[in-house]
Amino acid sequence: MSCWRGPDAMKGERGGPQAVGPDAAAAELLVRRRARANILDYANAIEVPGRPVGENADTDECEQFEPVSAPLAAHHRLILERVEATSRTPHGRLMIFTPPGAGKSTYASVVFPSYYLGAAPDRRLILASYGDALASRMGRRTRSIVRQQRWQRIWHTELAADSHAAHAFALANGSEYLACGLLSGVTGNRCGGLVIDDPMRGREQADSEVVRDKVFDAYEDDLKTRLMPGGWIVYIGTRWHEDDLAGRILPEGWAGESGMIACRDGNTWEVLCLQARCESDTDPLGRAAGEYLWPEWFDARHWAQYEANPRTWASLYQQRPVPPEGDLFRPEQIAIVDIVPSTWIDWVRGWDLASVEGDGDWTAGAKLGRLADGRYVIGDMTRGRWGPDRRDAIIAATAALDSARTRVGLPQDPGQAGKTQVLYLTRELEGYRVASSPETGDKVTRAEPFAAQVNVGNVLMLRGDWNAALIAELRGFPFGTHDDQVDALSRAFALLIARRPMRISDAALTAV
C-alpha cells in the first residue's frame, strides 16, 4: 500500500483525481501542467508522505504513510527551489544545514527525487545516508509518491514492472533510483545526481575520528566516483562536529555564512545555513537576528529545551559545531605577558611532526621555558602544514633563531623509518642539544603533567598572533580537531623536567 488512496478516488485530496465534469477536468489538467513547470506547484499537487501508519508503522517495512497536512513553510520552499536549481547546474554543489525536525529530508530527499526522476527520462539518482535502513525508509517514501495516480498522470510514467525493492527501483521512462548506506559501497552504479542526507548517525559516531575518516573516504572514493560527467551533489544534514564531512569540505574559519562559498575541495558550494535562531547577516530567509525558524510550527518553548545544552545547540541547531570544553586544560589560568619577568630561563623547543604540504595534520614546534622561580612560560609556537623537505628546513631555521641554548625535542616514530628520520634531523641540527624519544602512552596521559601546571596558574605566555589558536586547542583538547600544539608542549615539558637544568649567566642570555 502507499499513501495513494485508490485508482479513481476523487475526495478532494492531492493523491487521486477523477474527472467528473468539464470544470473538474480542466482544473485537474491545470494542476498537472503547473506541477510539471514548477517544483513548488508539484509539491502542492502530490500527497507528501509523512508519518508511517498501518500495521507495520513501527517497522522499516512500512509502505503506508499519513499525508503531511502542514503547508509548505518558507524554508521548505527555499530548499525545493535550490535543490531543483542545483540539479540543473552542471557540477552543481549545494549544502543545506537545518535543525532536526525541520523537514529537510522530507522535501530534499523524498519529494525532490520523485520530481527529478519523473521530469525527464533516463535519469539516475543515488541517495546515501548513514545506514541502509534509513536510506531504504526514504526510498519507500519516494516510491509511495511514484505510486500515486496523480504523480503518474503528471509525468505519464510509472514504476517499471520488475521494480519491487524500496532501495532500488526503475521507472518506465528509464529513470533509476538507488538508496544506500554511505559506507555500504555503490560500486557499479552511476548517477547524474547524488543526494547525501545525514552522513553521521549521531554524537557517538561524530566524536569518533575513525568513523569520520571512514565517512570522508567513502565520500571521496565511492560516492563521488559514481558521478557521471557534470554530475551534481546535494548535501543535507545537521552539523555534529567541526570535523564532520561538511567541515572537511567547507573552508577553515567558516562561521555559519550562507551563499556561494569557495571550499577546500576546489568547488564553489551554495550553502543554505538555516539556524534555529538567526545569528547571521547572510541568513537565506532574510530573518533578523534572534528570529527563530518555522515559528508557525515551533514555538519558543520548543527551542528553549535545546538551548540549555550549549554543545548540542551550537552544532545541531545553530550549525556551528565547536569542540566541547575539555576537562584537561583551563587556559583561562594562563597569564599573557609582554615581557618575560625573569633574567634566567631554561628554554626547550618540543616538536610534533607531520609531513603533508598544505593539508592534513600540522607540524608544531612549542618553545617552553622554566623560570628561576619554578614557573613556566610559553615563548613561541611555530606551526604549519609542510612537506618533509620544507618542514626539516624550518626546524633547522627555527633552531638557529632560538640559539644553541635552547634544547630541541623530537619525536621518534616506531620502526626503522622513525630512527632514520631522527638520525637525519639530528645531523641537520649539529651544534644543538637534541633529544629524541618514542611517544609513550596516549595523548591525554602525556599532556596531564603540563596541564597540571597550567591549571594552577603556573604558566605564562608571551603575547603573539599565535595565542588564539593555541588557547582554542587547549580548551578543546582532547575533543578538538587538532592536537599538534598540545603534543608539542607535552614533549617540551617532559624534556624540561627530565633533569635539573644548568644555570646560565645573565650575560649569556639573549632576547626571547
Protein backbone atom coordinates (compact mmCIF):
# COMPACT_ATOMS: atom_id res chain seq x y z
CA MET A 1 0.00 0.00 0.00
CA SER A 2 1.04 3.64 -0.39
CA CYS A 3 -0.36 7.00 0.54
CA TRP A 4 -2.35 6.99 -2.73
CA ARG A 5 -5.94 6.10 -1.78
CA GLY A 6 -7.14 4.38 -4.95
CA PRO A 7 -7.03 4.41 -8.77
CA ASP A 8 -10.06 6.62 -9.28
CA ALA A 9 -10.56 8.26 -5.90
CA MET A 10 -11.72 11.86 -6.02
CA LYS A 11 -12.09 13.05 -2.46
CA GLY A 12 -10.56 16.49 -2.66
CA GLU A 13 -7.06 15.31 -1.77
CA ARG A 14 -3.99 15.66 -3.96
CA GLY A 15 -3.33 11.95 -4.48
CA GLY A 16 -6.12 10.65 -6.72
CA PRO A 17 -8.01 12.85 -9.17
CA GLN A 18 -11.18 11.82 -11.04
CA ALA A 19 -12.70 13.66 -13.98
CA VAL A 20 -16.32 14.24 -13.02
CA GLY A 21 -17.09 17.10 -15.37
CA PRO A 22 -15.53 19.67 -17.72
CA ASP A 23 -14.65 22.11 -14.95
CA ALA A 24 -13.06 19.45 -12.77
CA ALA A 25 -11.19 18.06 -15.77
CA ALA A 26 -9.87 21.49 -16.71
CA ALA A 27 -8.82 22.18 -13.13
CA GLU A 28 -7.02 18.86 -12.97
CA LEU A 29 -5.18 19.49 -16.22
CA LEU A 30 -4.11 22.90 -14.90
CA VAL A 31 -2.77 21.30 -11.70
CA ARG A 32 -0.72 18.83 -13.71
CA ARG A 33 0.61 21.47 -16.10
CA ARG A 34 1.69 23.70 -13.22
CA ALA A 35 3.24 20.73 -11.40
CA ARG A 36 5.40 19.94 -14.42
CA ALA A 37 6.51 23.56 -14.73
CA ASN A 38 7.30 24.42 -11.09
CA ILE A 39 8.52 22.26 -8.23
CA LEU A 40 6.54 24.22 -5.62
CA ASP A 41 3.29 23.59 -7.53
CA TYR A 42 4.39 19.97 -7.84
CA ALA A 43 4.86 19.65 -4.07
CA ASN A 44 1.36 21.08 -3.55
CA ALA A 45 -0.13 18.71 -6.14
CA ILE A 46 1.03 15.41 -4.64
CA GLU A 47 0.45 13.84 -1.26
CA VAL A 48 3.69 14.32 0.66
CA PRO A 49 4.29 11.16 2.73
CA GLY A 50 4.72 11.84 6.42
CA ARG A 51 4.25 9.65 9.49
CA PRO A 52 4.11 5.86 8.86
CA VAL A 53 0.68 4.36 9.54
CA GLY A 54 -0.90 0.91 9.45
CA GLU A 55 0.06 -2.41 10.96
CA ASN A 56 3.74 -2.05 10.00
CA ALA A 57 4.07 1.55 11.16
CA ASP A 58 6.75 0.68 13.71
CA THR A 59 8.94 -1.28 11.31
CA ASP A 60 11.23 -0.49 8.41
CA GLU A 61 8.86 -2.40 6.13
CA CYS A 62 6.03 0.14 6.34
CA GLU A 63 4.61 1.09 2.94
CA GLN A 64 1.75 3.31 4.10
CA PHE A 65 2.14 6.94 5.17
CA GLU A 66 -0.08 9.65 6.50
CA PRO A 67 -0.01 12.66 4.17
CA VAL A 68 1.68 15.77 5.54
CA SER A 69 -1.04 18.28 6.34
CA ALA A 70 1.08 21.34 7.15
CA PRO A 71 1.50 23.80 4.27
CA LEU A 72 4.93 24.42 2.79
CA ALA A 73 6.93 26.68 5.08
CA ALA A 74 9.29 29.34 3.77
CA HIS A 75 12.36 27.15 4.32
CA HIS A 76 10.70 24.17 2.59
CA ARG A 77 10.06 26.31 -0.48
CA LEU A 78 13.65 27.55 -0.40
CA ILE A 79 15.03 24.01 -0.10
CA LEU A 80 12.94 22.71 -3.00
CA GLU A 81 13.84 25.61 -5.27
CA ARG A 82 17.59 25.46 -4.57
CA VAL A 83 17.82 21.67 -4.85
CA GLU A 84 15.97 21.74 -8.15
CA ALA A 85 18.19 24.57 -9.43
CA THR A 86 21.32 22.65 -8.40
CA SER A 87 20.13 19.61 -10.36
CA ARG A 88 20.00 21.79 -13.48
CA THR A 89 23.54 23.15 -12.91
CA PRO A 90 26.48 21.23 -14.39
CA HIS A 91 28.76 20.26 -11.48
CA GLY A 92 26.24 21.89 -9.11
CA ARG A 93 27.07 21.75 -5.41
CA LEU A 94 24.63 22.55 -2.58
CA MET A 95 24.83 22.18 1.22
CA ILE A 96 21.72 22.51 3.38
CA PHE A 97 22.02 22.70 7.16
CA THR A 98 18.87 22.77 9.29
CA PRO A 99 17.93 21.76 12.84
CA PRO A 100 16.41 18.31 13.45
CA GLY A 101 12.69 18.11 12.75
CA ALA A 102 12.65 20.94 10.22
CA GLY A 103 11.52 18.73 7.35
CA LYS A 104 14.71 18.90 5.32
CA SER A 105 14.69 15.21 4.39
CA THR A 106 11.00 15.14 3.51
CA TYR A 107 11.44 17.76 0.83
CA ALA A 108 15.05 17.40 -0.32
CA SER A 109 15.37 13.61 -0.09
CA VAL A 110 11.82 12.39 -0.76
CA VAL A 111 9.77 14.95 -2.68
CA PHE A 112 12.57 16.22 -4.88
CA PRO A 113 13.79 12.78 -6.08
CA SER A 114 10.24 11.90 -7.17
CA TYR A 115 10.15 15.14 -9.19
CA TYR A 116 13.61 14.70 -10.67
CA LEU A 117 13.06 11.11 -11.81
CA GLY A 118 9.68 11.78 -13.37
CA ALA A 119 10.51 15.07 -15.09
CA ALA A 120 12.86 13.56 -17.69
CA PRO A 121 13.72 10.08 -18.98
CA ASP A 122 16.88 8.11 -18.27
CA ARG A 123 17.93 9.97 -15.15
CA ARG A 124 19.99 8.28 -12.43
CA LEU A 125 19.89 9.39 -8.80
CA ILE A 126 21.71 7.94 -5.79
CA LEU A 127 20.68 8.81 -2.24
CA ALA A 128 23.17 7.97 0.52
CA SER A 129 22.70 8.20 4.26
CA TYR A 130 24.47 6.90 7.36
CA GLY A 131 22.84 3.48 7.13
CA ASP A 132 20.99 1.19 4.75
CA ALA A 133 17.85 1.18 6.90
CA LEU A 134 17.40 4.95 6.85
CA ALA A 135 18.16 5.11 3.14
CA SER A 136 15.56 2.41 2.48
CA ARG A 137 12.95 4.25 4.55
CA MET A 138 13.43 7.34 2.40
CA GLY A 139 13.27 5.12 -0.68
CA ARG A 140 9.91 3.73 0.45
CA ARG A 141 8.54 7.23 0.91
CA THR A 142 9.75 8.28 -2.52
CA ARG A 143 8.28 5.17 -4.10
CA SER A 144 4.94 5.84 -2.37
CA ILE A 145 4.76 9.14 -4.28
CA VAL A 146 5.56 7.37 -7.57
CA ARG A 147 2.61 5.06 -6.93
CA GLN A 148 0.16 7.93 -6.63
CA GLN A 149 -2.23 8.20 -9.58
CA ARG A 150 -1.77 11.94 -9.89
CA TRP A 151 2.02 11.54 -9.99
CA GLN A 152 1.66 9.06 -12.84
CA ARG A 153 -0.66 11.39 -14.74
CA ILE A 154 1.63 14.38 -14.20
CA TRP A 155 4.65 12.60 -15.67
CA HIS A 156 2.99 9.97 -17.91
CA THR A 157 5.11 7.19 -16.45
CA GLU A 158 5.04 4.66 -13.60
CA LEU A 159 7.14 2.12 -11.77
CA ALA A 160 8.76 -0.45 -14.03
CA ALA A 161 7.01 -3.79 -13.82
CA ASP A 162 10.03 -5.54 -12.29
CA SER A 163 10.72 -2.88 -9.61
CA HIS A 164 10.00 -4.32 -6.18
CA ALA A 165 12.81 -3.11 -3.90
CA ALA A 166 12.31 0.10 -1.95
CA HIS A 167 16.01 0.98 -2.10
CA ALA A 168 16.40 0.37 -5.84
CA PHE A 169 13.68 0.90 -8.41
CA ALA A 170 13.24 1.98 -12.00
CA LEU A 171 10.55 3.85 -13.88
CA ALA A 172 9.02 3.08 -17.23
CA ASN A 173 10.68 6.23 -18.59
CA GLY A 174 14.10 4.71 -17.95
CA SER A 175 14.99 6.71 -14.83
CA GLU A 176 16.52 4.79 -11.91
CA TYR A 177 16.78 5.35 -8.14
CA LEU A 178 19.19 3.82 -5.63
CA ALA A 179 19.28 4.43 -1.87
CA CYS A 180 22.18 3.08 0.16
CA GLY A 181 24.17 3.36 3.35
CA LEU A 182 27.12 5.66 2.84
CA LEU A 183 29.60 3.02 3.99
CA SER A 184 27.95 0.18 2.05
CA GLY A 185 29.56 0.98 -1.26
CA VAL A 186 27.87 1.70 -4.58
CA THR A 187 30.35 0.10 -6.98
CA GLY A 188 28.93 -0.42 -10.45
CA ASN A 189 26.25 2.25 -10.23
CA ARG A 190 26.47 5.60 -11.97
CA CYS A 191 24.36 8.69 -11.43
CA GLY A 192 23.72 12.18 -12.72
CA GLY A 193 22.96 13.41 -9.23
CA LEU A 194 23.93 12.47 -5.69
CA VAL A 195 21.94 13.32 -2.54
CA ILE A 196 23.76 12.82 0.77
CA ASP A 197 21.39 13.01 3.72
CA ASP A 198 22.70 12.83 7.32
CA PRO A 199 26.02 11.00 6.79
CA MET A 200 26.54 10.73 10.59
CA ARG A 201 24.25 8.63 12.77
CA GLY A 202 24.73 10.61 15.96
CA ARG A 203 27.08 12.03 18.56
CA GLU A 204 29.00 8.80 19.21
CA GLN A 205 29.90 8.39 15.55
CA ALA A 206 30.67 12.07 15.11
CA ASP A 207 33.09 12.06 18.05
CA SER A 208 34.99 9.09 16.60
CA GLU A 209 37.88 10.16 14.38
CA VAL A 210 37.92 6.65 12.91
CA VAL A 211 34.29 6.95 11.79
CA ARG A 212 34.80 10.48 10.48
CA ASP A 213 37.73 9.24 8.39
CA LYS A 214 35.66 6.34 7.03
CA VAL A 215 32.79 8.64 6.07
CA PHE A 216 35.13 11.04 4.31
CA ASP A 217 36.91 8.23 2.47
CA ALA A 218 33.57 6.74 1.38
CA TYR A 219 32.51 10.12 0.04
CA GLU A 220 35.79 10.68 -1.81
CA ASP A 221 36.46 7.16 -3.06
CA ASP A 222 32.99 5.66 -3.53
CA LEU A 223 30.24 8.24 -3.90
CA LYS A 224 31.95 10.99 -5.89
CA THR A 225 33.39 8.47 -8.31
CA ARG A 226 29.84 7.40 -9.22
CA LEU A 227 29.02 10.79 -10.73
CA MET A 228 28.65 11.00 -14.49
CA PRO A 229 30.34 13.98 -16.21
CA GLY A 230 28.82 17.22 -14.95
CA GLY A 231 27.03 15.44 -12.09
CA TRP A 232 25.66 17.42 -9.16
CA ILE A 233 25.76 16.87 -5.39
CA VAL A 234 23.31 17.95 -2.68
CA TYR A 235 24.44 17.56 0.95
CA ILE A 236 21.71 17.72 3.60
CA GLY A 237 22.26 17.44 7.32
CA THR A 238 22.78 18.85 10.74
CA ARG A 239 26.32 19.62 11.89
CA TRP A 240 27.53 17.21 14.56
CA HIS A 241 31.22 18.02 14.70
CA GLU A 242 33.62 20.64 13.36
CA ASP A 243 35.48 17.83 11.56
CA ASP A 244 32.44 16.10 10.05
CA LEU A 245 32.11 15.59 6.30
CA ALA A 246 30.79 19.11 5.71
CA GLY A 247 33.53 20.52 7.95
CA ARG A 248 36.21 18.89 5.79
CA ILE A 249 34.73 20.44 2.65
CA LEU A 250 33.96 23.93 3.95
CA PRO A 251 36.83 26.43 4.22
CA GLU A 252 38.66 26.78 7.51
CA GLY A 253 37.14 29.55 9.56
CA TRP A 254 33.64 29.11 8.12
CA ALA A 255 31.33 30.73 10.68
CA GLY A 256 27.80 29.93 9.54
CA GLU A 257 27.69 32.05 6.39
CA SER A 258 25.22 31.27 3.61
CA GLY A 259 25.84 31.97 -0.05
CA MET A 260 28.34 30.83 -2.66
CA ILE A 261 31.33 29.55 -0.67
CA ALA A 262 34.71 28.60 -2.16
CA CYS A 263 35.57 25.33 -0.43
CA ARG A 264 38.63 23.21 0.20
CA ASP A 265 37.70 20.64 -2.45
CA GLY A 266 38.20 23.23 -5.18
CA ASN A 267 34.47 23.66 -5.80
CA THR A 268 32.17 26.55 -5.04
CA TRP A 269 29.26 25.28 -2.96
CA GLU A 270 25.99 27.07 -2.44
CA VAL A 271 25.39 26.92 1.32
CA LEU A 272 21.99 27.30 2.97
CA CYS A 273 22.67 27.57 6.70
CA LEU A 274 19.25 27.69 8.33
CA GLN A 275 19.93 28.21 12.02
CA ALA A 276 17.24 27.59 14.61
CA ARG A 277 17.83 31.13 15.87
CA CYS A 278 19.22 33.50 13.30
CA GLU A 279 22.68 34.79 14.21
CA SER A 280 23.93 35.62 10.73
CA ASP A 281 23.53 38.58 8.43
CA THR A 282 23.58 36.16 5.47
CA ASP A 283 20.50 34.19 6.54
CA PRO A 284 18.97 32.78 3.32
CA LEU A 285 15.45 33.51 4.60
CA GLY A 286 16.29 37.13 5.32
CA ARG A 287 15.46 36.80 9.02
CA ALA A 288 16.52 39.40 11.53
CA ALA A 289 18.94 38.44 14.30
CA GLY A 290 17.13 36.48 17.01
CA GLU A 291 14.25 35.25 14.83
CA TYR A 292 13.54 31.53 15.10
CA LEU A 293 12.95 29.07 12.27
CA TRP A 294 9.41 27.96 11.38
CA PRO A 295 7.61 29.96 14.08
CA GLU A 296 4.19 28.80 12.82
CA TRP A 297 5.19 25.24 13.76
CA PHE A 298 7.72 25.52 16.62
CA ASP A 299 7.13 27.92 19.49
CA ALA A 300 9.83 29.39 21.75
CA ARG A 301 9.38 26.63 24.35
CA HIS A 302 10.30 24.03 21.76
CA TRP A 303 13.67 25.67 21.10
CA ALA A 304 14.33 26.51 24.77
CA GLN A 305 14.72 22.84 25.74
CA TYR A 306 17.72 22.55 23.41
CA GLU A 307 19.31 25.93 24.11
CA ALA A 308 20.09 24.69 27.63
CA ASN A 309 22.75 22.33 26.21
CA PRO A 310 25.47 24.57 24.68
CA ARG A 311 27.21 21.91 22.61
CA THR A 312 24.01 20.44 21.18
CA TRP A 313 22.58 23.89 20.48
CA ALA A 314 25.74 25.11 18.75
CA SER A 315 26.07 22.09 16.49
CA LEU A 316 22.66 20.58 15.71
CA TYR A 317 20.62 23.78 15.95
CA GLN A 318 22.96 26.63 15.03
CA GLN A 319 25.11 24.58 12.59
CA ARG A 320 28.35 25.91 14.09
CA PRO A 321 29.81 22.95 15.96
CA VAL A 322 32.51 23.74 18.46
CA PRO A 323 34.50 21.24 20.47
CA PRO A 324 33.21 20.76 24.00
CA GLU A 325 35.36 22.41 26.61
CA GLY A 326 37.92 19.83 27.52
CA ASP A 327 38.24 18.96 31.17
CA LEU A 328 42.04 18.73 30.99
CA PHE A 329 43.28 22.30 30.39
CA ARG A 330 41.98 25.53 31.87
CA PRO A 331 43.62 28.03 29.53
CA GLU A 332 42.00 30.98 31.32
CA GLN A 333 44.61 30.34 34.03
CA ILE A 334 47.43 31.28 31.62
CA ALA A 335 48.61 34.86 32.09
CA ILE A 336 49.56 36.56 28.82
CA VAL A 337 52.57 38.86 29.25
CA ASP A 338 54.53 41.22 27.01
CA ILE A 339 57.88 40.65 28.72
CA VAL A 340 59.21 37.56 30.46
CA PRO A 341 59.65 38.55 34.14
CA SER A 342 62.97 36.79 34.65
CA THR A 343 66.65 37.09 33.89
CA TRP A 344 67.22 33.37 33.80
CA ILE A 345 65.24 30.85 31.70
CA ASP A 346 65.92 27.29 30.63
CA TRP A 347 64.41 27.01 27.13
CA VAL A 348 63.40 23.94 25.13
CA ARG A 349 61.60 23.56 21.80
CA GLY A 350 59.41 20.45 21.51
CA TRP A 351 58.22 19.33 18.07
CA ASP A 352 55.22 17.36 16.82
CA LEU A 353 55.79 16.34 13.20
CA ALA A 354 53.54 15.95 10.17
CA SER A 355 54.59 15.64 6.54
CA VAL A 356 51.82 16.72 4.13
CA GLU A 357 52.13 20.03 2.35
CA GLY A 358 49.12 22.30 2.70
CA ASP A 359 46.66 19.79 4.16
CA GLY A 360 46.01 17.33 6.97
CA ASP A 361 47.83 17.47 10.28
CA TRP A 362 50.11 20.30 11.33
CA THR A 363 53.76 20.34 12.31
CA ALA A 364 54.11 22.32 15.53
CA GLY A 365 57.14 23.49 17.48
CA ALA A 366 56.45 24.79 21.01
CA LYS A 367 59.08 26.86 22.78
CA LEU A 368 58.69 26.42 26.52
CA GLY A 369 60.87 27.83 29.28
CA ARG A 370 61.29 27.34 33.02
CA LEU A 371 61.83 30.44 35.12
CA ALA A 372 64.09 30.63 38.15
CA ASP A 373 61.05 30.80 40.46
CA GLY A 374 59.63 27.50 39.12
CA ARG A 375 57.03 28.95 36.79
CA TYR A 376 56.87 28.13 33.08
CA VAL A 377 56.47 30.37 30.04
CA ILE A 378 55.31 29.55 26.52
CA GLY A 379 57.62 31.72 24.44
CA ASP A 380 56.62 30.85 20.88
CA MET A 381 54.65 28.46 18.69
CA THR A 382 55.81 27.65 15.17
CA ARG A 383 53.12 25.85 13.20
CA GLY A 384 52.42 24.93 9.58
CA ARG A 385 51.43 22.28 7.07
CA TRP A 386 54.71 21.47 5.37
CA GLY A 387 56.09 18.66 3.29
CA PRO A 388 59.17 16.81 4.62
CA ASP A 389 61.84 18.97 2.94
CA ARG A 390 60.29 22.29 3.89
CA ARG A 391 59.48 21.04 7.38
CA ASP A 392 63.05 19.95 8.06
CA ALA A 393 64.43 23.25 6.76
CA ILE A 394 62.07 25.19 9.06
CA ILE A 395 63.08 23.08 12.06
CA ALA A 396 66.74 23.91 11.38
CA ALA A 397 66.00 27.61 10.80
CA THR A 398 63.95 27.78 14.00
CA ALA A 399 66.81 26.23 15.99
CA ALA A 400 69.13 28.91 14.65
CA LEU A 401 66.72 31.63 15.76
CA ASP A 402 66.31 30.04 19.19
CA SER A 403 70.11 29.75 19.63
CA ALA A 404 72.14 26.81 20.85
CA ARG A 405 71.00 27.41 24.44
CA THR A 406 67.54 26.06 23.51
CA ARG A 407 67.34 22.30 23.64
CA VAL A 408 65.37 20.56 20.86
CA GLY A 409 62.95 17.68 21.48
CA LEU A 410 61.99 15.40 18.57
CA PRO A 411 59.50 12.51 18.47
CA GLN A 412 60.72 9.19 17.14
CA ASP A 413 58.18 7.19 15.18
CA PRO A 414 58.22 3.39 15.57
CA GLY A 415 60.35 1.26 13.31
CA GLN A 416 63.46 1.82 11.27
CA ALA A 417 61.95 4.74 9.36
CA GLY A 418 61.50 6.65 12.59
CA LYS A 419 65.09 6.02 13.62
CA THR A 420 66.32 7.15 10.20
CA GLN A 421 64.28 10.35 10.37
CA VAL A 422 65.61 11.27 13.82
CA LEU A 423 69.18 10.49 12.74
CA TYR A 424 68.80 12.77 9.72
CA LEU A 425 67.28 15.64 11.74
CA THR A 426 69.90 15.33 14.46
CA ARG A 427 72.65 15.65 11.85
CA GLU A 428 70.89 18.70 10.40
CA LEU A 429 70.88 20.18 13.92
CA GLU A 430 74.60 19.71 14.52
CA GLY A 431 75.76 22.03 17.27
CA TYR A 432 72.41 21.97 19.10
CA ARG A 433 71.36 19.84 22.03
CA VAL A 434 68.85 17.37 20.57
CA ALA A 435 66.84 14.77 22.49
CA SER A 436 64.55 12.24 20.85
CA SER A 437 62.27 9.50 22.15
CA PRO A 438 59.26 7.45 21.05
CA GLU A 439 55.82 8.57 22.14
CA THR A 440 54.60 6.53 25.10
CA GLY A 441 51.05 6.38 26.39
CA ASP A 442 48.05 8.16 24.91
CA LYS A 443 47.91 11.89 24.19
CA VAL A 444 45.91 12.70 27.31
CA THR A 445 48.35 10.88 29.59
CA ARG A 446 51.27 12.72 28.00
CA ALA A 447 49.51 16.09 28.37
CA GLU A 448 48.44 15.69 32.01
CA PRO A 449 51.72 16.84 33.68
CA PHE A 450 51.79 20.12 31.75
CA ALA A 451 48.03 20.60 32.20
CA ALA A 452 48.53 20.41 35.96
CA GLN A 453 50.91 23.38 35.79
CA VAL A 454 48.51 25.34 33.57
CA ASN A 455 45.53 24.74 35.80
CA VAL A 456 47.16 26.10 38.97
CA GLY A 457 48.25 29.28 37.20
CA ASN A 458 51.92 28.34 36.98
CA VAL A 459 52.24 29.03 33.23
CA LEU A 460 52.72 32.36 31.44
CA MET A 461 52.54 33.03 27.70
CA LEU A 462 54.25 35.72 25.65
CA ARG A 463 51.77 37.74 23.63
CA GLY A 464 51.72 36.82 19.92
CA ASP A 465 49.44 36.29 16.95
CA TRP A 466 49.61 32.54 17.63
CA ASN A 467 47.97 32.83 21.06
CA ALA A 468 44.34 32.47 19.95
CA ALA A 469 44.85 29.23 18.02
CA LEU A 470 46.77 27.70 20.90
CA ILE A 471 44.17 28.69 23.50
CA ALA A 472 41.38 27.27 21.35
CA GLU A 473 43.25 23.99 21.00
CA LEU A 474 43.95 23.78 24.74
CA ARG A 475 40.31 24.48 25.53
CA GLY A 476 39.03 21.79 23.19
CA PHE A 477 41.62 19.12 23.94
CA PRO A 478 41.15 16.17 23.61
CA PHE A 479 37.88 16.64 21.65
CA GLY A 480 39.09 19.22 19.12
CA THR A 481 40.05 18.61 15.51
CA HIS A 482 43.76 19.23 16.08
CA ASP A 483 46.13 18.43 18.95
CA ASP A 484 49.53 19.14 17.39
CA GLN A 485 50.32 22.15 19.61
CA VAL A 486 49.36 20.24 22.75
CA ASP A 487 51.58 17.34 21.69
CA ALA A 488 54.49 19.73 21.10
CA LEU A 489 54.01 21.34 24.53
CA SER A 490 53.78 17.93 26.19
CA ARG A 491 57.12 16.94 24.67
CA ALA A 492 58.73 20.26 25.61
CA PHE A 493 57.54 19.96 29.20
CA ALA A 494 58.75 16.38 29.50
CA LEU A 495 62.16 17.48 28.26
CA LEU A 496 62.28 20.37 30.73
CA ILE A 497 61.62 18.25 33.77
CA ALA A 498 63.78 15.30 32.66
CA ARG A 499 66.81 16.73 34.50
CA ARG A 500 67.68 19.81 36.54
CA PRO A 501 68.98 22.43 34.09
CA MET A 502 72.40 24.09 34.33
CA ARG A 503 72.27 27.76 35.31
CA ILE A 504 73.26 30.18 32.55
CA SER A 505 74.85 33.52 33.31
CA ASP A 506 72.82 36.65 32.66
CA ALA A 507 75.43 37.87 30.18
CA ALA A 508 74.90 34.81 28.00
CA LEU A 509 71.15 35.36 27.72
CA THR A 510 69.55 36.64 24.53
CA ALA A 511 66.08 38.01 23.97
CA VAL A 512 63.20 35.57 23.63
